[in-house]
Amino acid sequence: MSSPRPSPAGAADPGSYRDPDSSIFYSDGRVWRGLSATGLEDWNRLSKTGFHDRLVKEGKLVETWDTAQPTKGHYASPRGKRWAAVVEHRPIPFVSYPYEWSFSMLRDAALCQLDVLLAALDEDMTLKDGTAFNVTFTGCQPSFIDIGSFEEASGPWPGYRQFCQTMLFPLMIQAHLGIAFQPLLRGSLDGLSPTDVSAMFGGRRRFKPGVLTNVTLHALADRKVTSDSQQMNARFESAGLGANLASATARKLHKIVSDLSLDVDTSTWVDYRNTCSYTSADAEAKRRFVAAVAQDHAGGTIVDLGANDGAFSRLVAEQAGYVIAVDFDHLTIDRLYQELRTEGIDNVLPLVMDLVDASPGLGWRGRERASFEARTNADLVLSLALVHHLAISANVPLPMLIDWLADFGAETVVEFVHRDDPMTIKLLAQKPAGLFDDYNLENFTRLLGERFDIVATESLPGNTRTLFHARPRT
């Protein structure tokens, strides 16, 4: 739904090939969807419903409109057939994936999909699938983006299984078992299998709300694939999954998802701002430096790497068009997400990601879901209080770290934490003596200057941290 990096005219989205009646492509810097004759019929029906315009206005459904076909490129489907029609979508600033969301983000995305489904069922339409990839975020607003999923309602919800595997099950295992879902979802784009999740909910755990019906029954169906289909349909009917009870099923799922929550409320990094080694003078000087650089990128995209509680993401959001705030601590990002929604800040997207193991290319040919770097087209990158963690805690050599920053192709504000800073002393104490002799300000400045033009530097008042504003060399 977004085309952050330049795409060839008529370039198909590598992740939009499974539906023979609908597929995304890019042209003229815009986002288009090709529709088959069947897809066009479903779109015409959808666009005339009462819920379509309402959900678009609420931000729950991507804005789409009829349009003349683009003037460039050849617009065949992935199967080689000409589309019957083309519609245009409003672009999403940055398409994120479910394995990059916090718990509250996945829960809100699941509720958004169910809200869309319930609205569709009220007007005799349904969704043909239920994958979490049908939803993405603009800031902290989840939006359903697959208008090709709408079709005439008939029978049980076809997307029920996908919804469970990619949304309900991940939420349940984190809420009830304390297991982070992000690595598991990244390990399988199809989500978590009912059999595997059922094994996690042994003993009394199977009686957690919604587990017996939505997990155990699904696992039973998987184990008895050779059973008489009428018997299986009867089981689904008794669970509320029959054609006449699709709306009731969606409402039950909505209640289950709404009631899920996290028990933990603290982590190592969630209160970092109150425990780090900054003085108030350091913090104020750092804010002034970052704000001055951000002013030169008003309206642009800023990526805040190692955003922690989002203090600097909020700061630059006042100037930026869009901010992507990335941190590995899921609880810190979850709290930031909830605060941003409460505060009504709509141009900051928080994401859960370990930058040493950032989201790679996944799926078919490694292209179906693009890597974080491939999706990122930043005007400014912030790397504040991050270098020492990557270089010392994660053993990333300084030359490789600077090469990584340069690969973003954007101006950067990077903070170097000196060897005599209390945090660096603490990190080095956990490593063998002599292993990081090259970790020093002089070496870092030299290496940065080999890949960037250093526009400005500032030593913070405490004299243990230095800020750099650097521009990549062309």
Protein backbone atom coordinates (compact mmCIF):
# COMPACT_ATOMS: atom_id res chain seq x y z
CA MET A 1 0.00 0.00 0.00
CA SER A 2 2.98 2.31 0.12
CA SER A 3 5.74 2.75 -2.41
CA PRO A 4 8.46 4.32 -0.27
CA ARG A 5 11.28 3.72 -2.70
CA PRO A 6 11.00 4.53 -6.43
CA SER A 7 9.27 1.74 -8.36
CA PRO A 8 9.25 1.02 -12.10
CA ALA A 9 6.09 1.99 -13.94
CA GLY A 10 3.50 -0.70 -13.44
CA ALA A 11 5.58 -2.48 -10.78
CA ALA A 12 3.54 -5.13 -8.99
CA ASP A 13 3.62 -5.34 -5.22
CA PRO A 14 5.52 -8.59 -4.47
CA GLY A 15 3.16 -9.33 -1.55
CA SER A 16 -0.05 -8.94 -3.54
CA TYR A 17 -0.33 -12.00 -5.73
CA ARG A 18 -2.52 -14.56 -3.93
CA ASP A 19 -5.96 -13.22 -4.85
CA PRO A 20 -6.70 -13.85 -8.56
CA ASP A 21 -9.33 -11.09 -8.51
CA SER A 22 -7.30 -8.25 -6.99
CA SER A 23 -3.68 -7.08 -6.84
CA ILE A 24 -1.68 -3.95 -5.97
CA PHE A 25 0.79 -2.22 -8.30
CA TYR A 26 2.57 1.13 -8.39
CA SER A 27 2.83 3.74 -11.11
CA ASP A 28 3.39 7.48 -11.33
CA GLY A 29 4.29 7.50 -7.62
CA ARG A 30 0.76 6.31 -6.77
CA VAL A 31 -0.89 3.13 -5.48
CA TRP A 32 -3.31 1.25 -7.72
CA ARG A 33 -5.33 -1.96 -7.48
CA GLY A 34 -6.22 -4.05 -10.49
CA LEU A 35 -9.58 -5.85 -10.40
CA SER A 36 -10.91 -8.79 -12.37
CA ALA A 37 -14.51 -8.76 -13.58
CA THR A 38 -15.52 -10.50 -10.35
CA GLY A 39 -13.42 -8.12 -8.29
CA LEU A 40 -14.96 -5.13 -10.05
CA GLU A 41 -18.44 -6.42 -9.28
CA ASP A 42 -17.54 -6.79 -5.60
CA TRP A 43 -15.98 -3.29 -5.54
CA ASN A 44 -19.06 -1.72 -7.13
CA ARG A 45 -21.21 -3.37 -4.50
CA LEU A 46 -18.87 -2.31 -1.69
CA SER A 47 -18.64 1.32 -2.83
CA LYS A 48 -22.42 1.66 -2.76
CA THR A 49 -22.86 0.33 0.78
CA GLY A 50 -23.59 2.61 3.68
CA PHE A 51 -20.68 1.36 5.74
CA HIS A 52 -17.96 2.05 3.14
CA ASP A 53 -17.89 5.84 3.44
CA ARG A 54 -18.43 5.67 7.20
CA LEU A 55 -15.45 3.39 7.81
CA VAL A 56 -13.23 5.46 5.49
CA LYS A 57 -14.16 8.58 7.46
CA GLU A 58 -13.37 6.79 10.73
CA GLY A 59 -9.97 5.76 9.36
CA LYS A 60 -10.77 2.04 9.61
CA LEU A 61 -10.86 1.45 5.84
CA VAL A 62 -8.36 2.67 3.27
CA GLU A 63 -9.65 5.43 1.04
CA THR A 64 -10.26 4.14 -2.49
CA TRP A 65 -11.76 5.70 -5.57
CA ASP A 66 -12.58 4.88 -9.18
CA THR A 67 -10.09 6.33 -11.63
CA ALA A 68 -8.86 6.19 -15.18
CA GLN A 69 -6.08 3.67 -15.66
CA PRO A 70 -2.51 4.97 -15.27
CA THR A 71 -0.84 6.29 -18.38
CA LYS A 72 2.34 4.22 -18.09
CA GLY A 73 3.12 0.53 -17.95
CA HIS A 74 1.42 -2.75 -18.72
CA TYR A 75 -1.12 -3.69 -16.06
CA ALA A 76 -1.60 -7.42 -16.19
CA SER A 77 -2.39 -9.54 -13.14
CA PRO A 78 0.33 -11.78 -11.65
CA ARG A 79 -1.35 -14.56 -13.66
CA GLY A 80 -0.89 -12.66 -16.93
CA LYS A 81 -4.50 -11.56 -17.46
CA ARG A 82 -5.58 -8.00 -18.15
CA TRP A 83 -7.50 -6.34 -15.34
CA ALA A 84 -11.13 -5.43 -15.99
CA ALA A 85 -10.68 -2.17 -14.05
CA VAL A 86 -8.27 -0.24 -11.86
CA VAL A 87 -8.98 1.73 -8.68
CA GLU A 88 -6.63 3.99 -6.73
CA HIS A 89 -5.77 3.95 -3.01
CA ARG A 90 -4.55 6.69 -0.76
CA PRO A 91 -0.95 5.64 0.04
CA ILE A 92 0.04 4.47 3.52
CA PRO A 93 3.17 6.39 4.64
CA PHE A 94 4.94 3.22 5.83
CA VAL A 95 3.53 -0.30 5.66
CA SER A 96 4.37 -2.15 8.86
CA TYR A 97 3.83 -5.83 9.57
CA PRO A 98 2.17 -7.67 12.50
CA TYR A 99 5.50 -9.00 13.81
CA GLU A 100 6.59 -5.37 14.26
CA TRP A 101 3.60 -4.37 16.39
CA SER A 102 3.20 -4.29 20.14
CA PHE A 103 0.47 -6.22 21.93
CA SER A 104 -1.95 -3.29 22.02
CA MET A 105 -1.31 -2.59 18.34
CA LEU A 106 -2.14 -6.16 17.31
CA ARG A 107 -5.22 -6.11 19.53
CA ASP A 108 -6.45 -2.85 17.99
CA ALA A 109 -5.73 -4.17 14.51
CA ALA A 110 -7.76 -7.31 15.28
CA LEU A 111 -10.65 -5.23 16.58
CA CYS A 112 -10.47 -3.06 13.46
CA GLN A 113 -10.76 -6.13 11.22
CA LEU A 114 -13.72 -7.41 13.24
CA ASP A 115 -15.41 -3.99 13.11
CA VAL A 116 -15.05 -4.01 9.33
CA LEU A 117 -16.40 -7.56 9.15
CA LEU A 118 -19.42 -6.76 11.33
CA ALA A 119 -20.24 -3.68 9.26
CA ALA A 120 -19.99 -5.74 6.07
CA LEU A 121 -22.20 -8.53 7.42
CA ASP A 122 -24.88 -6.01 8.28
CA GLU A 123 -25.16 -5.28 4.55
CA ASP A 124 -24.83 -8.87 3.31
CA MET A 125 -21.13 -8.70 2.50
CA THR A 126 -18.23 -10.50 4.16
CA LEU A 127 -14.43 -10.76 4.03
CA LYS A 128 -12.97 -13.66 2.05
CA ASP A 129 -9.94 -13.84 4.35
CA GLY A 130 -8.85 -12.76 7.82
CA THR A 131 -5.07 -12.41 7.79
CA ALA A 132 -3.42 -9.76 9.95
CA PHE A 133 -1.70 -8.47 6.81
CA ASN A 134 -5.08 -7.04 5.73
CA VAL A 135 -4.51 -4.32 8.31
CA THR A 136 -1.75 -1.76 8.71
CA PHE A 137 -1.23 1.46 10.65
CA THR A 138 -1.10 5.12 9.76
CA GLY A 139 0.40 6.55 12.90
CA CYS A 140 -1.57 4.82 15.64
CA GLN A 141 -4.71 4.31 13.54
CA PRO A 142 -5.23 0.75 12.26
CA SER A 143 -6.80 0.58 8.80
CA PHE A 144 -8.13 -2.32 6.74
CA ILE A 145 -6.36 -2.04 3.37
CA ASP A 146 -7.54 -5.05 1.31
CA ILE A 147 -10.72 -3.88 -0.44
CA GLY A 148 -10.34 -6.95 -2.68
CA SER A 149 -11.31 -9.07 0.32
CA PHE A 150 -14.97 -7.98 0.26
CA GLU A 151 -17.48 -10.30 -1.34
CA GLU A 152 -21.13 -11.31 -1.02
CA ALA A 153 -21.84 -13.07 2.28
CA SER A 154 -22.47 -16.79 2.05
CA GLY A 155 -21.90 -19.39 4.75
CA PRO A 156 -19.45 -19.18 7.66
CA TRP A 157 -16.77 -16.50 7.66
CA PRO A 158 -14.06 -17.78 5.29
CA GLY A 159 -11.40 -15.78 7.11
CA TYR A 160 -12.03 -17.23 10.57
CA ARG A 161 -9.07 -19.60 10.55
CA GLN A 162 -6.62 -16.98 9.28
CA PHE A 163 -7.85 -14.51 11.87
CA CYS A 164 -7.21 -17.02 14.62
CA GLN A 165 -3.75 -17.98 13.37
CA THR A 166 -2.43 -14.46 12.72
CA MET A 167 -4.31 -12.38 15.30
CA LEU A 168 -6.25 -14.22 18.01
CA PHE A 169 -3.68 -16.93 18.81
CA PRO A 170 -0.71 -14.52 19.06
CA LEU A 171 -2.69 -12.27 21.37
CA MET A 172 -3.78 -15.20 23.53
CA ILE A 173 -0.30 -16.63 24.02
CA GLN A 174 1.12 -13.28 25.07
CA ALA A 175 -1.82 -12.36 27.31
CA HIS A 176 -2.24 -15.77 28.98
CA LEU A 177 1.25 -17.29 28.75
CA GLY A 178 3.57 -14.30 28.64
CA ILE A 179 5.16 -15.46 25.37
CA ALA A 180 6.11 -12.69 22.93
CA PHE A 181 4.30 -13.26 19.64
CA GLN A 182 6.57 -11.17 17.38
CA PRO A 183 9.29 -13.82 16.77
CA LEU A 184 6.64 -16.49 16.20
CA LEU A 185 4.74 -14.44 13.62
CA ARG A 186 7.97 -13.54 11.88
CA GLY A 187 8.75 -17.24 11.71
CA SER A 188 5.56 -18.04 9.78
CA LEU A 189 3.58 -15.59 7.67
CA ASP A 190 0.60 -17.94 7.87
CA GLY A 191 0.57 -17.55 11.65
CA LEU A 192 0.46 -20.04 14.50
CA SER A 193 -1.09 -23.44 13.84
CA PRO A 194 -4.02 -24.58 16.02
CA THR A 195 -2.15 -27.79 16.91
CA ASP A 196 0.91 -25.93 18.17
CA VAL A 197 -1.12 -23.40 20.13
CA SER A 198 -3.32 -26.13 21.61
CA ALA A 199 -0.19 -27.80 22.97
CA MET A 200 0.68 -24.56 24.77
CA PHE A 201 -2.70 -24.50 26.48
CA GLY A 202 -2.57 -27.83 28.31
CA GLY A 203 -4.34 -28.63 31.56
CA ARG A 204 -6.42 -25.87 33.07
CA ARG A 205 -5.06 -23.35 30.61
CA ARG A 206 -7.46 -24.65 27.99
CA PHE A 207 -10.29 -23.11 30.01
CA LYS A 208 -9.00 -19.57 29.54
CA PRO A 209 -11.68 -17.43 27.81
CA GLY A 210 -12.06 -18.39 24.16
CA VAL A 211 -9.39 -21.10 24.17
CA LEU A 212 -11.61 -24.18 24.25
CA THR A 213 -13.75 -23.02 21.34
CA ASN A 214 -11.22 -21.26 19.14
CA VAL A 215 -8.03 -23.25 19.86
CA THR A 216 -8.97 -26.74 21.03
CA LEU A 217 -11.76 -27.20 18.48
CA HIS A 218 -9.50 -26.01 15.68
CA ALA A 219 -6.77 -28.43 16.74
CA LEU A 220 -9.31 -31.25 16.85
CA ALA A 221 -10.39 -30.43 13.30
CA ASP A 222 -6.76 -30.51 12.14
CA ARG A 223 -6.21 -33.95 13.69
CA LYS A 224 -9.34 -35.36 12.11
CA VAL A 225 -9.02 -34.11 8.58
CA THR A 226 -10.34 -37.42 7.32
CA SER A 227 -13.53 -37.16 9.38
CA ASP A 228 -16.87 -36.88 7.69
CA SER A 229 -17.22 -33.25 6.55
CA GLN A 230 -20.83 -33.08 7.76
CA GLN A 231 -19.70 -34.00 11.28
CA MET A 232 -17.09 -31.26 11.22
CA ASN A 233 -19.60 -28.73 9.94
CA ALA A 234 -21.91 -29.71 12.78
CA ARG A 235 -19.12 -29.04 15.28
CA PHE A 236 -18.54 -25.61 13.77
CA GLU A 237 -22.29 -24.91 13.88
CA SER A 238 -22.40 -25.79 17.56
CA ALA A 239 -19.47 -23.41 18.17
CA GLY A 240 -21.36 -20.57 16.53
CA LEU A 241 -19.54 -20.66 13.22
CA GLY A 242 -22.43 -21.48 10.93
CA ALA A 243 -23.75 -19.34 8.10
CA ASN A 244 -26.65 -18.01 10.17
CA LEU A 245 -24.43 -17.00 13.07
CA ALA A 246 -21.52 -15.23 11.35
CA SER A 247 -22.31 -11.92 13.03
CA ALA A 248 -22.64 -13.60 16.42
CA THR A 249 -19.28 -15.29 15.87
CA ALA A 250 -17.62 -11.98 15.04
CA ARG A 251 -19.15 -10.40 18.14
CA LYS A 252 -17.87 -13.25 20.32
CA LEU A 253 -14.39 -12.80 18.87
CA HIS A 254 -14.63 -9.06 19.43
CA LYS A 255 -15.45 -9.63 23.10
CA ILE A 256 -12.60 -12.15 23.55
CA VAL A 257 -10.05 -9.85 21.91
CA SER A 258 -11.25 -6.77 23.81
CA ASP A 259 -10.82 -8.55 27.14
CA LEU A 260 -7.22 -9.64 26.48
CA SER A 261 -4.54 -7.63 28.28
CA LEU A 262 -0.94 -7.84 29.48
CA ASP A 263 -0.20 -8.51 33.15
CA VAL A 264 3.35 -7.10 33.10
CA ASP A 265 3.82 -3.37 33.46
CA THR A 266 7.59 -2.96 33.69
CA SER A 267 10.78 -3.91 31.88
CA THR A 268 14.47 -3.03 31.93
CA TRP A 269 13.99 -0.15 29.50
CA VAL A 270 10.48 1.14 30.17
CA ASP A 271 11.78 3.71 32.72
CA TYR A 272 15.15 4.32 31.04
CA ARG A 273 14.52 8.08 30.81
CA ASN A 274 14.45 8.28 34.60
CA THR A 275 17.51 6.07 35.21
CA CYS A 276 19.96 7.05 32.44
CA SER A 277 23.08 9.14 33.02
CA TYR A 278 21.81 12.39 31.45
CA THR A 279 21.85 15.62 33.40
CA SER A 280 19.05 18.10 32.79
CA ALA A 281 21.55 20.32 30.97
CA ASP A 282 22.54 17.41 28.70
CA ALA A 283 18.90 16.65 27.92
CA GLU A 284 18.07 20.27 27.06
CA ALA A 285 21.14 20.71 24.85
CA LYS A 286 20.30 17.48 23.05
CA ARG A 287 16.72 18.60 22.45
CA ARG A 288 17.90 21.91 20.97
CA PHE A 289 20.38 20.20 18.65
CA VAL A 290 17.88 17.62 17.36
CA ALA A 291 15.08 20.18 16.96
CA ALA A 292 17.34 22.49 14.94
CA VAL A 293 18.23 19.71 12.49
CA ALA A 294 14.60 18.55 12.25
CA GLN A 295 13.52 22.04 11.19
CA ASP A 296 15.42 21.52 7.95
CA HIS A 297 13.28 18.44 7.24
CA ALA A 298 9.82 19.88 7.85
CA GLY A 299 7.21 17.67 6.24
CA GLY A 300 9.68 14.84 5.64
CA THR A 301 10.02 11.33 7.05
CA ILE A 302 12.17 10.89 10.16
CA VAL A 303 13.21 7.49 11.51
CA ASP A 304 14.06 7.35 15.23
CA LEU A 305 16.24 4.28 15.80
CA GLY A 306 16.25 3.16 19.43
CA ALA A 307 13.39 5.51 20.22
CA ASN A 308 12.78 4.21 23.76
CA ASP A 309 9.85 6.17 25.24
CA GLY A 310 9.53 8.33 22.13
CA ALA A 311 10.58 11.65 23.68
CA PHE A 312 12.54 12.65 20.58
CA SER A 313 9.98 11.13 18.22
CA ARG A 314 7.41 13.46 19.76
CA LEU A 315 9.84 16.37 19.48
CA VAL A 316 10.55 15.95 15.77
CA ALA A 317 6.91 15.07 15.01
CA GLU A 318 6.18 18.76 15.45
CA GLN A 319 8.17 19.38 12.26
CA ALA A 320 8.06 16.07 10.37
CA GLY A 321 5.38 14.78 8.10
CA TYR A 322 5.83 11.29 9.53
CA VAL A 323 7.98 9.66 12.21
CA ILE A 324 8.82 5.95 12.55
CA ALA A 325 9.85 5.19 16.14
CA VAL A 326 11.69 1.87 16.48
CA ASP A 327 12.74 0.11 19.68
CA PHE A 328 13.34 -3.51 20.67
CA ASP A 329 11.52 -3.34 24.03
CA HIS A 330 7.92 -4.35 23.33
CA LEU A 331 6.54 -2.94 26.58
CA THR A 332 8.14 0.46 25.99
CA ILE A 333 6.66 0.57 22.48
CA ASP A 334 3.29 -0.62 23.78
CA ARG A 335 3.21 2.18 26.33
CA LEU A 336 4.30 4.72 23.70
CA TYR A 337 1.54 3.55 21.36
CA GLN A 338 -1.13 3.94 24.00
CA GLU A 339 0.15 7.39 24.97
CA LEU A 340 0.22 8.57 21.35
CA ARG A 341 -3.37 7.45 20.83
CA THR A 342 -4.47 9.21 24.01
CA GLU A 343 -2.62 12.38 23.05
CA GLY A 344 -3.99 12.32 19.49
CA ILE A 345 -0.54 12.42 17.86
CA ASP A 346 -1.29 10.89 14.48
CA ASN A 347 2.02 11.11 12.62
CA VAL A 348 4.19 8.81 14.77
CA LEU A 349 4.29 5.06 14.08
CA PRO A 350 5.86 3.02 16.92
CA LEU A 351 7.37 -0.35 16.01
CA VAL A 352 8.89 -3.26 17.95
CA MET A 353 12.18 -4.30 16.38
CA ASP A 354 15.63 -5.48 17.41
CA LEU A 355 17.90 -3.44 15.14
CA VAL A 356 20.60 -6.11 15.30
CA ASP A 357 18.03 -8.55 13.90
CA ALA A 358 15.71 -6.21 11.99
CA SER A 359 12.82 -7.48 9.88
CA PRO A 360 14.24 -9.27 6.81
CA GLY A 361 12.63 -10.01 3.48
CA LEU A 362 10.19 -12.90 3.99
CA GLY A 363 7.71 -15.06 2.11
CA TRP A 364 7.81 -16.03 -1.53
CA ARG A 365 11.36 -15.51 -2.85
CA GLY A 366 12.07 -13.38 0.20
CA ARG A 367 10.10 -10.51 -1.37
CA GLU A 368 6.51 -10.99 -0.21
CA ARG A 369 7.21 -8.98 2.94
CA ALA A 370 10.00 -6.47 2.40
CA SER A 371 12.82 -5.91 4.84
CA PHE A 372 12.75 -2.91 7.13
CA GLU A 373 15.56 -1.24 5.20
CA ALA A 374 13.82 -1.81 1.84
CA ARG A 375 10.66 -0.12 3.11
CA THR A 376 12.46 2.82 4.67
CA ASN A 377 12.88 6.02 2.68
CA ALA A 378 13.91 8.53 5.34
CA ASP A 379 14.88 12.17 5.04
CA LEU A 380 16.49 12.13 8.49
CA VAL A 381 17.63 9.28 10.75
CA LEU A 382 18.05 9.73 14.51
CA SER A 383 20.47 7.39 16.27
CA LEU A 384 20.48 8.74 19.82
CA ALA A 385 22.04 6.85 22.74
CA LEU A 386 22.22 3.79 20.49
CA VAL A 387 25.76 3.39 19.13
CA HIS A 388 27.29 2.17 22.41
CA HIS A 389 24.59 -0.50 22.80
CA LEU A 390 25.11 -1.81 19.26
CA ALA A 391 28.91 -1.57 19.35
CA ILE A 392 29.51 -2.95 22.84
CA SER A 393 26.45 -4.99 23.86
CA ALA A 394 25.93 -6.48 20.39
CA ASN A 395 29.60 -6.50 19.29
CA VAL A 396 28.86 -4.65 16.01
CA PRO A 397 32.18 -3.18 14.77
CA LEU A 398 32.11 0.60 14.39
CA PRO A 399 32.88 0.52 10.61
CA MET A 400 29.93 -1.84 10.03
CA LEU A 401 27.69 0.29 12.21
CA ILE A 402 28.50 3.44 10.23
CA ASP A 403 28.04 1.56 6.94
CA TRP A 404 24.57 0.58 8.19
CA LEU A 405 23.69 4.21 8.94
CA ALA A 406 24.98 5.26 5.53
CA ASP A 407 22.80 2.65 3.80
CA PHE A 408 19.69 4.59 4.83
CA GLY A 409 20.84 7.28 2.40
CA ALA A 410 19.64 10.04 4.69
CA GLU A 411 21.03 12.77 6.87
CA THR A 412 21.58 11.55 10.39
CA VAL A 413 21.88 12.81 13.92
CA VAL A 414 24.04 10.31 15.78
CA GLU A 415 25.10 10.42 19.41
CA PHE A 416 28.43 8.99 20.51
CA VAL A 417 28.64 8.05 24.19
CA HIS A 418 32.26 8.36 25.34
CA ARG A 419 34.25 5.66 27.11
CA ASP A 420 34.09 7.59 30.40
CA ASP A 421 30.31 7.91 30.40
CA PRO A 422 28.74 5.89 33.26
CA MET A 423 26.64 3.83 30.83
CA THR A 424 29.64 2.92 28.67
CA ILE A 425 31.69 2.04 31.75
CA LYS A 426 28.87 -0.27 32.84
CA LEU A 427 28.71 -1.98 29.44
CA LEU A 428 32.49 -2.37 29.12
CA ALA A 429 32.67 -3.91 32.59
CA GLN A 430 30.73 -6.88 31.23
CA LYS A 431 33.24 -7.47 28.39
CA PRO A 432 36.83 -8.81 28.29
CA ALA A 433 39.49 -6.14 28.77
CA GLY A 434 40.93 -4.78 25.52
CA LEU A 435 38.12 -6.05 23.30
CA PHE A 436 36.84 -2.55 22.51
CA ASP A 437 40.00 -0.46 22.48
CA ASP A 438 38.85 1.06 19.18
CA TYR A 439 35.70 2.38 20.82
CA ASN A 440 36.63 6.03 21.29
CA LEU A 441 35.55 9.44 20.05
CA GLU A 442 38.56 10.00 17.80
CA ASN A 443 38.08 6.72 15.94
CA PHE A 444 34.33 7.18 15.63
CA THR A 445 34.76 10.71 14.24
CA ARG A 446 37.29 9.46 11.68
CA LEU A 447 35.08 6.58 10.53
CA LEU A 448 31.98 8.76 10.33
CA GLY A 449 33.89 11.28 8.22
CA GLU A 450 34.79 8.57 5.69
CA ARG A 451 31.13 7.95 4.82
CA PHE A 452 29.49 11.27 5.74
CA ASP A 453 30.15 14.97 5.56
CA ILE A 454 29.99 16.13 9.18
CA VAL A 455 27.82 19.25 9.16
CA ALA A 456 27.94 20.05 12.88
CA THR A 457 29.03 18.58 16.22
CA GLU A 458 28.20 19.45 19.79
CA SER A 459 29.61 18.12 23.04
CA LEU A 460 26.89 17.92 25.68
CA PRO A 461 27.54 19.86 28.92
CA GLY A 462 28.49 16.72 30.85
CA ASN A 463 31.40 16.19 28.40
CA THR A 464 30.73 12.45 28.08
CA ARG A 465 28.52 12.53 24.96
CA THR A 466 28.89 14.12 21.53
CA LEU A 467 26.22 14.77 18.93
CA PHE A 468 26.92 14.73 15.19
CA HIS A 469 24.80 16.05 12.32
CA ALA A 470 26.06 14.21 9.26
CA ARG A 471 25.10 14.14 5.59
CA PRO A 472 25.85 11.04 3.45
CA ARG A 473 28.27 11.54 0.63
CA THR A 474 26.86 11.12 -2.86
